[in-house]
Amino acid sequence: TCRKIVNWRNYLKFPEEVRLSPEAKDLICRLLCNVEQRLGTKGAYEIKDHPWFKGVEWGKLYQMKAAFIPQVNDELDTQNFEKFDETDKQVPKVTKSGPWRKMLSS
């Protein structure tokens, strides 16, 4: 998994059933890349000017009504999030050897 994260370009696949536009795919890839090439590194205008955001009236954003306003009881209310089982997984013991040690030290 570590190698897949580091080499995401070789592993990232957009499933066809998701049907993302070319602009959406480009936006995702330009946000996932190295920081030097990442969209927004030179300022928020880079993100605002991306073709995926074409038609967004940034100046009116705060006056627009949100498409979805979640109902919450207080700032700690998590009812709008999916529930998952929390398990106490054993953390593997750290050793000075192992297959991952060489990968992390290089």
N, C-alpha and C. Protein backbone atom coordinates (compact mmCIF):
# COMPACT_ATOMS: atom_id res chain seq x y z
N THR A 1 0.81 -1.20 0.00
CA THR A 1 0.00 0.00 0.00
C THR A 1 0.85 1.26 0.00
N CYS A 2 1.94 1.26 0.75
CA CYS A 2 2.82 2.43 0.77
C CYS A 2 3.34 2.73 -0.63
N ARG A 3 3.75 1.69 -1.33
CA ARG A 3 4.26 1.88 -2.70
C ARG A 3 3.16 2.38 -3.63
N LYS A 4 1.95 1.92 -3.42
CA LYS A 4 0.84 2.38 -4.26
C LYS A 4 0.55 3.85 -4.02
N ILE A 5 0.68 4.29 -2.77
CA ILE A 5 0.45 5.70 -2.46
C ILE A 5 1.54 6.55 -3.09
N VAL A 6 2.79 6.14 -2.92
CA VAL A 6 3.91 6.89 -3.47
C VAL A 6 3.84 6.92 -4.99
N ASN A 7 3.46 5.81 -5.60
CA ASN A 7 3.38 5.70 -7.06
C ASN A 7 1.93 5.73 -7.53
N TRP A 8 1.16 6.66 -7.00
CA TRP A 8 -0.27 6.71 -7.28
C TRP A 8 -0.59 6.80 -8.76
N ARG A 9 0.28 7.43 -9.55
CA ARG A 9 0.02 7.57 -10.99
C ARG A 9 -0.12 6.20 -11.67
N ASN A 10 0.60 5.21 -11.17
CA ASN A 10 0.55 3.88 -11.75
C ASN A 10 -0.67 3.08 -11.29
N TYR A 11 -1.32 3.51 -10.22
CA TYR A 11 -2.40 2.73 -9.62
C TYR A 11 -3.77 3.39 -9.66
N LEU A 12 -3.81 4.71 -9.78
CA LEU A 12 -5.10 5.41 -9.75
C LEU A 12 -5.88 5.11 -11.02
N LYS A 13 -7.03 4.54 -10.85
CA LYS A 13 -7.93 4.22 -11.97
C LYS A 13 -9.30 4.79 -11.64
N PHE A 14 -9.90 5.44 -12.60
CA PHE A 14 -11.25 5.96 -12.43
C PHE A 14 -12.23 4.92 -12.99
N PRO A 15 -13.05 4.31 -12.15
CA PRO A 15 -14.00 3.31 -12.64
C PRO A 15 -14.95 3.94 -13.67
N GLU A 16 -15.22 3.21 -14.74
CA GLU A 16 -16.08 3.74 -15.80
C GLU A 16 -17.49 4.04 -15.31
N GLU A 17 -17.98 3.25 -14.36
CA GLU A 17 -19.35 3.48 -13.88
C GLU A 17 -19.49 4.80 -13.13
N VAL A 18 -18.38 5.39 -12.71
CA VAL A 18 -18.45 6.68 -12.01
C VAL A 18 -18.73 7.81 -12.99
N ARG A 19 -18.27 7.68 -14.22
CA ARG A 19 -18.51 8.64 -15.30
C ARG A 19 -18.11 10.06 -14.92
N LEU A 20 -16.85 10.23 -14.62
CA LEU A 20 -16.32 11.56 -14.33
C LEU A 20 -16.00 12.27 -15.64
N SER A 21 -16.23 13.56 -15.66
CA SER A 21 -15.88 14.35 -16.84
C SER A 21 -14.36 14.47 -16.92
N PRO A 22 -13.83 14.75 -18.11
CA PRO A 22 -12.39 14.96 -18.23
C PRO A 22 -11.90 16.08 -17.31
N GLU A 23 -12.73 17.11 -17.12
CA GLU A 23 -12.35 18.21 -16.24
C GLU A 23 -12.25 17.75 -14.78
N ALA A 24 -13.18 16.88 -14.36
CA ALA A 24 -13.15 16.37 -12.99
C ALA A 24 -11.92 15.50 -12.77
N LYS A 25 -11.61 14.63 -13.73
CA LYS A 25 -10.42 13.79 -13.63
C LYS A 25 -9.15 14.64 -13.56
N ASP A 26 -9.09 15.68 -14.39
CA ASP A 26 -7.93 16.56 -14.39
C ASP A 26 -7.79 17.27 -13.05
N LEU A 27 -8.89 17.75 -12.50
CA LEU A 27 -8.86 18.43 -11.20
C LEU A 27 -8.33 17.49 -10.12
N ILE A 28 -8.83 16.28 -10.07
CA ILE A 28 -8.38 15.31 -9.07
C ILE A 28 -6.89 15.04 -9.22
N CYS A 29 -6.44 14.78 -10.43
CA CYS A 29 -5.02 14.48 -10.65
C CYS A 29 -4.13 15.67 -10.34
N ARG A 30 -4.61 16.87 -10.61
CA ARG A 30 -3.79 18.06 -10.35
C ARG A 30 -3.78 18.44 -8.87
N LEU A 31 -4.67 17.85 -8.09
CA LEU A 31 -4.63 18.04 -6.63
C LEU A 31 -3.84 16.93 -5.95
N LEU A 32 -3.66 15.80 -6.62
CA LEU A 32 -2.94 14.67 -6.04
C LEU A 32 -1.45 14.67 -6.32
N CYS A 33 -0.98 15.54 -7.18
CA CYS A 33 0.41 15.49 -7.62
C CYS A 33 1.37 16.11 -6.58
N ASN A 34 2.65 16.10 -6.93
CA ASN A 34 3.67 16.69 -6.06
C ASN A 34 3.35 18.15 -5.80
N VAL A 35 3.72 18.63 -4.64
CA VAL A 35 3.35 19.98 -4.21
C VAL A 35 3.83 21.05 -5.20
N GLU A 36 4.97 20.83 -5.84
CA GLU A 36 5.49 21.83 -6.76
C GLU A 36 4.57 22.03 -7.96
N GLN A 37 3.92 20.97 -8.41
CA GLN A 37 3.03 21.06 -9.56
C GLN A 37 1.55 21.13 -9.17
N ARG A 38 1.26 21.06 -7.90
CA ARG A 38 -0.13 20.97 -7.43
C ARG A 38 -0.92 22.22 -7.76
N LEU A 39 -2.14 22.03 -8.21
CA LEU A 39 -3.05 23.13 -8.50
C LEU A 39 -3.31 23.89 -7.20
N GLY A 40 -3.14 25.18 -7.23
CA GLY A 40 -3.35 26.01 -6.05
C GLY A 40 -2.07 26.40 -5.35
N THR A 41 -0.94 25.83 -5.77
CA THR A 41 0.34 26.17 -5.14
C THR A 41 0.65 27.65 -5.30
N LYS A 42 0.27 28.22 -6.43
CA LYS A 42 0.55 29.64 -6.69
C LYS A 42 -0.57 30.55 -6.22
N GLY A 43 -1.63 29.97 -5.67
CA GLY A 43 -2.73 30.77 -5.16
C GLY A 43 -4.08 30.15 -5.49
N ALA A 44 -5.10 30.60 -4.79
CA ALA A 44 -6.45 30.06 -4.97
C ALA A 44 -6.98 30.33 -6.37
N TYR A 45 -6.48 31.38 -7.02
CA TYR A 45 -6.96 31.70 -8.37
C TYR A 45 -6.74 30.53 -9.33
N GLU A 46 -5.69 29.74 -9.11
CA GLU A 46 -5.44 28.58 -9.97
C GLU A 46 -6.61 27.59 -9.90
N ILE A 47 -7.09 27.38 -8.70
CA ILE A 47 -8.21 26.46 -8.52
C ILE A 47 -9.49 27.07 -9.09
N LYS A 48 -9.72 28.33 -8.78
CA LYS A 48 -10.93 29.01 -9.27
C LYS A 48 -10.98 29.05 -10.79
N ASP A 49 -9.83 29.12 -11.45
CA ASP A 49 -9.77 29.20 -12.91
C ASP A 49 -9.82 27.84 -13.59
N HIS A 50 -9.82 26.75 -12.83
CA HIS A 50 -9.84 25.42 -13.43
C HIS A 50 -11.17 25.22 -14.16
N PRO A 51 -11.13 24.58 -15.35
CA PRO A 51 -12.36 24.38 -16.15
C PRO A 51 -13.50 23.68 -15.41
N TRP A 52 -13.19 22.82 -14.41
CA TRP A 52 -14.27 22.14 -13.69
C TRP A 52 -15.16 23.14 -12.95
N PHE A 53 -14.60 24.28 -12.56
CA PHE A 53 -15.36 25.29 -11.82
C PHE A 53 -15.99 26.34 -12.73
N LYS A 54 -15.97 26.09 -14.05
CA LYS A 54 -16.55 27.04 -15.00
C LYS A 54 -18.01 27.29 -14.62
N GLY A 55 -18.37 28.54 -14.57
CA GLY A 55 -19.74 28.90 -14.23
C GLY A 55 -19.96 29.21 -12.76
N VAL A 56 -18.98 28.91 -11.90
CA VAL A 56 -19.12 29.23 -10.48
C VAL A 56 -18.90 30.73 -10.31
N GLU A 57 -19.85 31.37 -9.70
CA GLU A 57 -19.73 32.81 -9.45
C GLU A 57 -19.14 32.98 -8.05
N TRP A 58 -17.82 33.02 -8.00
CA TRP A 58 -17.10 33.04 -6.73
C TRP A 58 -17.48 34.24 -5.87
N GLY A 59 -17.74 35.38 -6.47
CA GLY A 59 -18.11 36.57 -5.71
C GLY A 59 -19.45 36.45 -5.01
N LYS A 60 -20.31 35.58 -5.53
CA LYS A 60 -21.65 35.41 -4.95
C LYS A 60 -21.76 34.15 -4.10
N LEU A 61 -20.66 33.47 -3.89
CA LEU A 61 -20.69 32.17 -3.22
C LEU A 61 -21.34 32.24 -1.83
N TYR A 62 -21.01 33.26 -1.06
CA TYR A 62 -21.56 33.34 0.31
C TYR A 62 -23.03 33.74 0.33
N GLN A 63 -23.54 34.29 -0.75
CA GLN A 63 -24.95 34.65 -0.80
C GLN A 63 -25.82 33.52 -1.33
N MET A 64 -25.19 32.50 -1.93
CA MET A 64 -25.94 31.40 -2.53
C MET A 64 -26.48 30.45 -1.45
N LYS A 65 -27.65 29.87 -1.74
CA LYS A 65 -28.22 28.88 -0.83
C LYS A 65 -27.54 27.54 -1.09
N ALA A 66 -27.15 26.87 -0.03
CA ALA A 66 -26.49 25.57 -0.15
C ALA A 66 -27.45 24.53 -0.70
N ALA A 67 -26.94 23.61 -1.51
CA ALA A 67 -27.76 22.55 -2.08
C ALA A 67 -28.25 21.59 -1.00
N PHE A 68 -27.47 21.43 0.06
CA PHE A 68 -27.83 20.54 1.15
C PHE A 68 -27.37 21.17 2.46
N ILE A 69 -28.28 21.29 3.40
CA ILE A 69 -27.95 21.81 4.72
C ILE A 69 -28.28 20.72 5.73
N PRO A 70 -27.25 20.08 6.29
CA PRO A 70 -27.51 18.98 7.22
C PRO A 70 -28.14 19.48 8.52
N GLN A 71 -28.99 18.66 9.08
CA GLN A 71 -29.60 18.98 10.37
C GLN A 71 -28.68 18.46 11.46
N VAL A 72 -28.25 19.34 12.35
CA VAL A 72 -27.39 18.94 13.46
C VAL A 72 -27.94 19.51 14.76
N ASN A 73 -27.68 18.80 15.85
CA ASN A 73 -28.15 19.24 17.16
C ASN A 73 -27.13 20.13 17.86
N ASP A 74 -25.86 19.87 17.63
CA ASP A 74 -24.79 20.67 18.21
C ASP A 74 -23.50 20.39 17.44
N GLU A 75 -22.41 21.04 17.85
CA GLU A 75 -21.15 20.90 17.10
C GLU A 75 -20.54 19.50 17.20
N LEU A 76 -21.01 18.67 18.11
CA LEU A 76 -20.49 17.31 18.25
C LEU A 76 -21.41 16.26 17.61
N ASP A 77 -22.49 16.69 16.99
CA ASP A 77 -23.46 15.79 16.38
C ASP A 77 -22.87 15.13 15.13
N THR A 78 -22.81 13.80 15.14
CA THR A 78 -22.23 13.05 14.02
C THR A 78 -23.27 12.20 13.29
N GLN A 79 -24.55 12.49 13.47
CA GLN A 79 -25.60 11.66 12.88
C GLN A 79 -25.58 11.64 11.35
N ASN A 80 -24.93 12.60 10.72
CA ASN A 80 -24.89 12.65 9.26
C ASN A 80 -23.73 11.86 8.66
N PHE A 81 -22.96 11.20 9.50
CA PHE A 81 -21.84 10.39 9.04
C PHE A 81 -22.19 8.92 9.18
N GLU A 82 -21.62 8.10 8.29
CA GLU A 82 -21.85 6.66 8.36
C GLU A 82 -21.23 6.09 9.62
N LYS A 83 -21.91 5.13 10.20
CA LYS A 83 -21.39 4.48 11.40
C LYS A 83 -20.46 3.34 10.99
N PHE A 84 -19.43 3.11 11.79
CA PHE A 84 -18.53 1.99 11.55
C PHE A 84 -18.12 1.42 12.89
N ASP A 85 -17.76 0.14 12.87
CA ASP A 85 -17.34 -0.52 14.09
C ASP A 85 -15.92 -0.11 14.43
N GLU A 86 -15.75 0.35 15.64
CA GLU A 86 -14.40 0.66 16.11
C GLU A 86 -13.85 -0.59 16.76
N THR A 87 -12.74 -1.05 16.26
CA THR A 87 -12.12 -2.24 16.83
C THR A 87 -10.75 -1.87 17.37
N ASP A 88 -10.38 -2.56 18.40
CA ASP A 88 -9.05 -2.36 18.96
C ASP A 88 -8.10 -3.31 18.26
N LYS A 89 -7.58 -2.87 17.14
CA LYS A 89 -6.65 -3.72 16.41
C LYS A 89 -5.29 -3.64 17.07
N GLN A 90 -4.64 -4.76 17.12
CA GLN A 90 -3.30 -4.81 17.69
C GLN A 90 -2.33 -4.12 16.74
N VAL A 91 -1.56 -3.20 17.26
CA VAL A 91 -0.53 -2.54 16.47
C VAL A 91 0.66 -3.47 16.41
N PRO A 92 1.18 -3.74 15.19
CA PRO A 92 2.31 -4.66 15.10
C PRO A 92 3.51 -4.12 15.86
N LYS A 93 4.24 -5.04 16.46
CA LYS A 93 5.44 -4.67 17.21
C LYS A 93 6.51 -4.18 16.24
N VAL A 94 7.13 -3.06 16.57
CA VAL A 94 8.19 -2.49 15.73
C VAL A 94 9.48 -3.24 16.00
N THR A 95 10.08 -3.71 14.93
CA THR A 95 11.36 -4.41 15.05
C THR A 95 12.39 -3.70 14.18
N LYS A 96 13.64 -4.07 14.36
CA LYS A 96 14.70 -3.44 13.58
C LYS A 96 14.88 -4.12 12.23
N SER A 97 14.09 -5.14 11.95
CA SER A 97 14.19 -5.81 10.65
C SER A 97 12.78 -6.03 10.13
N GLY A 98 12.69 -6.54 8.97
CA GLY A 98 11.39 -6.80 8.38
C GLY A 98 11.37 -6.26 6.96
N PRO A 99 10.43 -6.74 6.15
CA PRO A 99 10.41 -6.33 4.75
C PRO A 99 10.13 -4.85 4.55
N TRP A 100 9.41 -4.23 5.47
CA TRP A 100 9.07 -2.82 5.32
C TRP A 100 10.22 -1.91 5.73
N ARG A 101 11.14 -2.38 6.58
CA ARG A 101 12.23 -1.54 7.09
C ARG A 101 13.09 -0.99 5.95
N LYS A 102 13.45 -1.85 5.00
CA LYS A 102 14.29 -1.42 3.88
C LYS A 102 13.56 -0.38 3.04
N MET A 103 12.27 -0.58 2.82
CA MET A 103 11.49 0.34 2.01
C MET A 103 11.41 1.72 2.67
N LEU A 104 11.22 1.75 3.98
CA LEU A 104 11.09 3.03 4.68
C LEU A 104 12.42 3.75 4.85
N SER A 105 13.51 3.02 4.87
CA SER A 105 14.81 3.66 5.10
C SER A 105 15.46 4.13 3.81
N SER A 106 14.92 3.78 2.66
CA SER A 106 15.55 4.21 1.40
C SER A 106 15.03 5.54 0.93
